[in-house]
Protein backbone atom coordinates (compact mmCIF):
# COMPACT_ATOMS: atom_id res chain seq x y z
CA MET A 1 -9.73 8.22 -10.25
CA THR A 2 -12.41 6.89 -8.17
CA GLY A 3 -15.83 8.49 -7.09
CA HIS A 4 -16.49 9.42 -3.61
CA LEU A 5 -15.90 5.98 -1.65
CA THR A 6 -14.63 7.04 1.76
CA VAL A 7 -12.11 4.92 3.72
CA ASP A 8 -10.35 5.98 7.07
CA LEU A 9 -6.68 5.62 7.55
CA ARG A 10 -5.29 5.57 11.03
CA PRO A 11 -1.82 4.47 12.30
CA LEU A 12 -1.75 0.75 12.86
CA ALA A 13 -1.67 -0.02 16.59
CA ALA A 14 -0.33 -2.97 18.27
CA GLU A 15 -3.96 -4.18 19.25
CA ASP A 16 -4.69 -4.39 15.51
CA TRP A 17 -2.74 -7.67 15.01
CA ALA A 18 -5.65 -9.90 15.34
CA ALA A 19 -7.31 -8.24 12.46
CA VAL A 20 -4.35 -8.00 10.53
CA HIS A 21 -3.75 -11.70 10.90
CA GLN A 22 -7.09 -12.35 9.25
CA TRP A 23 -5.41 -11.31 5.90
CA ALA A 24 -1.86 -11.99 6.74
CA ASN A 25 -2.49 -15.59 6.65
CA HIS A 26 -4.78 -15.62 3.73
CA GLU A 27 -3.38 -17.17 0.71
CA GLN A 28 -5.12 -14.87 -2.02
CA VAL A 29 -3.48 -11.83 -0.19
CA TYR A 30 0.26 -13.19 0.38
CA ARG A 31 0.32 -15.23 -3.12
CA TYR A 32 2.28 -12.79 -4.90
CA GLN A 33 4.32 -11.60 -1.80
CA ALA A 34 7.72 -12.79 -0.46
CA TRP A 35 6.27 -13.53 2.90
CA GLY A 36 3.27 -15.41 4.15
CA PRO A 37 1.24 -17.28 5.29
CA ASN A 38 2.02 -15.52 8.71
CA THR A 39 2.04 -17.14 11.89
CA GLU A 40 0.34 -15.58 14.61
CA SER A 41 3.69 -14.54 16.14
CA GLU A 42 4.80 -13.06 12.77
CA THR A 43 1.83 -11.12 12.46
CA ARG A 44 2.22 -9.65 15.81
CA GLU A 45 6.03 -8.92 15.28
CA PHE A 46 5.09 -6.96 12.03
CA VAL A 47 2.45 -4.99 13.86
CA ARG A 48 4.40 -4.11 16.94
CA VAL A 49 7.30 -2.88 14.63
CA ALA A 50 4.89 -0.86 12.41
CA ALA A 51 3.07 0.75 15.64
CA GLU A 52 6.50 1.72 17.05
CA ALA A 53 7.62 3.24 14.04
CA TRP A 54 4.92 5.92 14.61
CA GLY A 55 6.44 8.98 16.13
CA ALA A 56 10.13 7.93 15.75
CA PRO A 57 12.28 10.99 15.16
CA ASP A 58 13.43 9.71 11.85
CA GLN A 59 10.36 8.18 10.85
CA THR A 60 10.30 6.83 7.27
CA TRP A 61 7.73 4.22 7.30
CA TYR A 62 3.98 4.75 8.12
CA VAL A 63 1.77 2.03 8.13
CA TYR A 64 -1.92 2.76 8.25
CA ALA A 65 -4.83 0.33 9.08
CA ILE A 66 -7.80 0.91 6.64
CA ARG A 67 -11.42 1.17 8.02
CA PHE A 68 -14.45 0.78 5.77
CA GLU A 69 -17.81 0.71 7.01
CA GLY A 70 -16.71 0.58 10.47
CA MET A 71 -14.34 -2.38 10.11
CA LEU A 72 -10.64 -2.82 9.94
CA VAL A 73 -10.47 -4.15 6.36
CA GLY A 74 -6.74 -3.80 5.51
CA ASN A 75 -3.52 -2.08 5.97
CA CYS A 76 -1.48 0.13 3.82
CA ASP A 77 1.81 1.83 4.01
CA LEU A 78 3.97 4.59 2.82
CA ARG A 79 7.75 4.41 2.83
CA LEU A 80 9.84 7.59 2.21
CA ARG A 81 12.79 6.49 0.04
CA GLY A 82 14.99 9.61 -0.19
CA GLY A 83 15.46 11.92 -3.00
CA GLU A 84 11.66 13.28 -2.46
CA GLN A 85 10.42 9.57 -3.45
CA GLY A 86 8.06 7.53 -1.76
CA GLU A 87 6.63 3.98 -2.01
CA ILE A 88 3.18 2.63 -1.55
CA GLY A 89 1.93 -0.45 -0.78
CA TYR A 90 -1.81 -2.14 0.40
CA LEU A 91 -3.29 -5.25 1.58
CA LEU A 92 -6.89 -5.92 1.85
CA HIS A 93 -8.75 -8.69 3.28
CA PRO A 94 -10.56 -10.61 0.13
CA ASP A 95 -14.04 -9.99 1.48
CA HIS A 96 -13.54 -6.33 0.42
CA TRP A 97 -11.89 -6.66 -2.89
CA GLY A 98 -13.85 -5.18 -5.96
CA ARG A 99 -15.29 -2.36 -3.79
CA GLY A 100 -13.01 0.39 -4.43
CA VAL A 101 -11.51 0.25 -1.15
CA ALA A 102 -7.91 -0.45 -2.08
CA THR A 103 -8.19 2.44 -4.78
CA ALA A 104 -9.44 5.01 -2.11
CA ALA A 105 -6.56 3.78 0.22
CA ALA A 106 -3.91 4.26 -2.44
CA GLN A 107 -5.32 7.66 -3.28
CA ARG A 108 -5.31 8.74 0.26
CA LEU A 109 -1.54 7.44 0.43
CA ILE A 110 -0.43 9.54 -2.66
CA GLU A 111 -2.13 12.64 -1.28
CA LEU A 112 -0.44 12.22 2.05
CA GLY A 113 2.92 11.56 0.39
CA PHE A 114 2.60 14.84 -1.71
CA THR A 115 0.72 17.20 0.65
CA GLN A 116 2.32 16.02 4.05
CA HIS A 117 5.71 14.87 2.97
CA GLY A 118 6.73 17.16 0.01
CA LEU A 119 7.43 14.11 -2.44
CA HIS A 120 8.10 14.46 -6.02
CA ARG A 121 7.57 11.13 -7.05
CA ILE A 122 5.57 8.14 -5.68
CA TYR A 123 6.05 4.61 -7.06
CA ALA A 124 4.51 0.97 -6.37
CA THR A 125 5.28 -2.46 -7.66
CA CYS A 126 3.29 -5.31 -8.28
CA ASP A 127 3.45 -8.73 -9.70
CA PRO A 128 2.83 -8.94 -13.56
CA ARG A 129 0.17 -11.56 -12.73
CA ASN A 130 -1.85 -9.30 -10.19
CA THR A 131 -3.79 -7.69 -12.53
CA THR A 132 -6.17 -6.45 -9.91
CA SER A 133 -3.25 -4.51 -8.32
CA ALA A 134 -2.20 -3.24 -11.61
CA ALA A 135 -5.38 -2.05 -12.24
CA VAL A 136 -5.71 -0.05 -8.93
CA LEU A 137 -2.40 1.61 -9.68
CA GLN A 138 -3.66 2.91 -12.86
CA ARG A 139 -6.97 4.14 -11.47
CA VAL A 140 -5.19 6.25 -9.03
CA GLY A 141 -3.12 8.15 -12.11
CA MET A 142 0.02 6.18 -11.84
CA THR A 143 2.07 5.25 -14.97
CA HIS A 144 3.38 2.04 -15.96
CA GLU A 145 7.44 2.61 -16.22
CA GLY A 146 8.37 -0.88 -16.99
CA ARG A 147 9.25 -4.18 -15.79
CA LEU A 148 12.05 -5.19 -13.20
CA ARG A 149 13.09 -8.70 -14.06
CA GLU A 150 13.26 -11.48 -11.36
CA ASN A 151 13.91 -9.05 -8.88
CA LEU A 152 12.10 -10.64 -5.89
CA ARG A 153 12.15 -14.42 -5.05
CA ILE A 154 8.68 -15.92 -3.82
CA ARG A 155 7.36 -19.38 -3.22
CA ASP A 156 6.83 -20.31 -6.76
CA GLY A 157 10.15 -18.84 -7.96
CA TRP A 158 11.67 -15.51 -8.89
CA ARG A 159 9.05 -12.79 -9.49
CA ASP A 160 8.97 -9.79 -11.93
CA SER A 161 7.62 -6.78 -10.61
CA ASP A 162 5.97 -4.14 -12.80
CA LEU A 163 6.79 -0.51 -11.67
CA TYR A 164 4.36 2.39 -11.58
CA SER A 165 4.78 6.05 -10.28
CA VAL A 166 3.06 9.24 -10.36
CA LEU A 167 4.59 12.81 -10.19
CA VAL A 168 3.63 15.37 -8.15
CA HIS A 169 2.69 17.52 -11.38
CA GLU A 170 0.58 14.89 -12.63
CA TRP A 171 -1.19 14.32 -9.43
CA SER A 172 -1.93 17.87 -9.05
CA ARG A 173 -3.42 18.51 -12.33
CA SER A 174 -5.47 15.10 -11.95
CA ALA A 175 -6.40 16.16 -8.41
CA GLY A 176 -7.28 19.79 -9.58
CA SER A 177 -4.85 21.20 -6.77
CA ASP A 178 -1.56 22.72 -6.66
CA PRO A 179 1.69 21.05 -5.77
């Protein structure tokens, strides 16, 4: 787990699209993703849909803006997947990589999943070539479960995905709290 780095998460809002576009069309950010580079209209549409998801009666997708040192530097999300499971993801502008921001955001998403949504298991996937993201998932207490072979097509062909997860009783033990 990380130290005391503080990031603020707040619901992504429609007016955040220009900030989101700063990383959504950045090759380093979308390199291992099935999307990108985003056009302005694609970023506007993503942010519009994500913002509208907040407050829906059957909401299962929670997209947050990541604020660090007074700036919007990334976005992250928690998707409720049924069966008391959730999936997390995060994107961060490369100017803020290596500072613990993604780790702090992922920790916060896990906390929200277990405490506010009563989840039993939270997982994430990443391209095996994305060793930095794998390190984030390990730092937040996730266990590498295995590899999904060629499960996502991206620009350079079929991509494998490494699967990581944390269970509520593992998290509560490492966080020093009760589930």
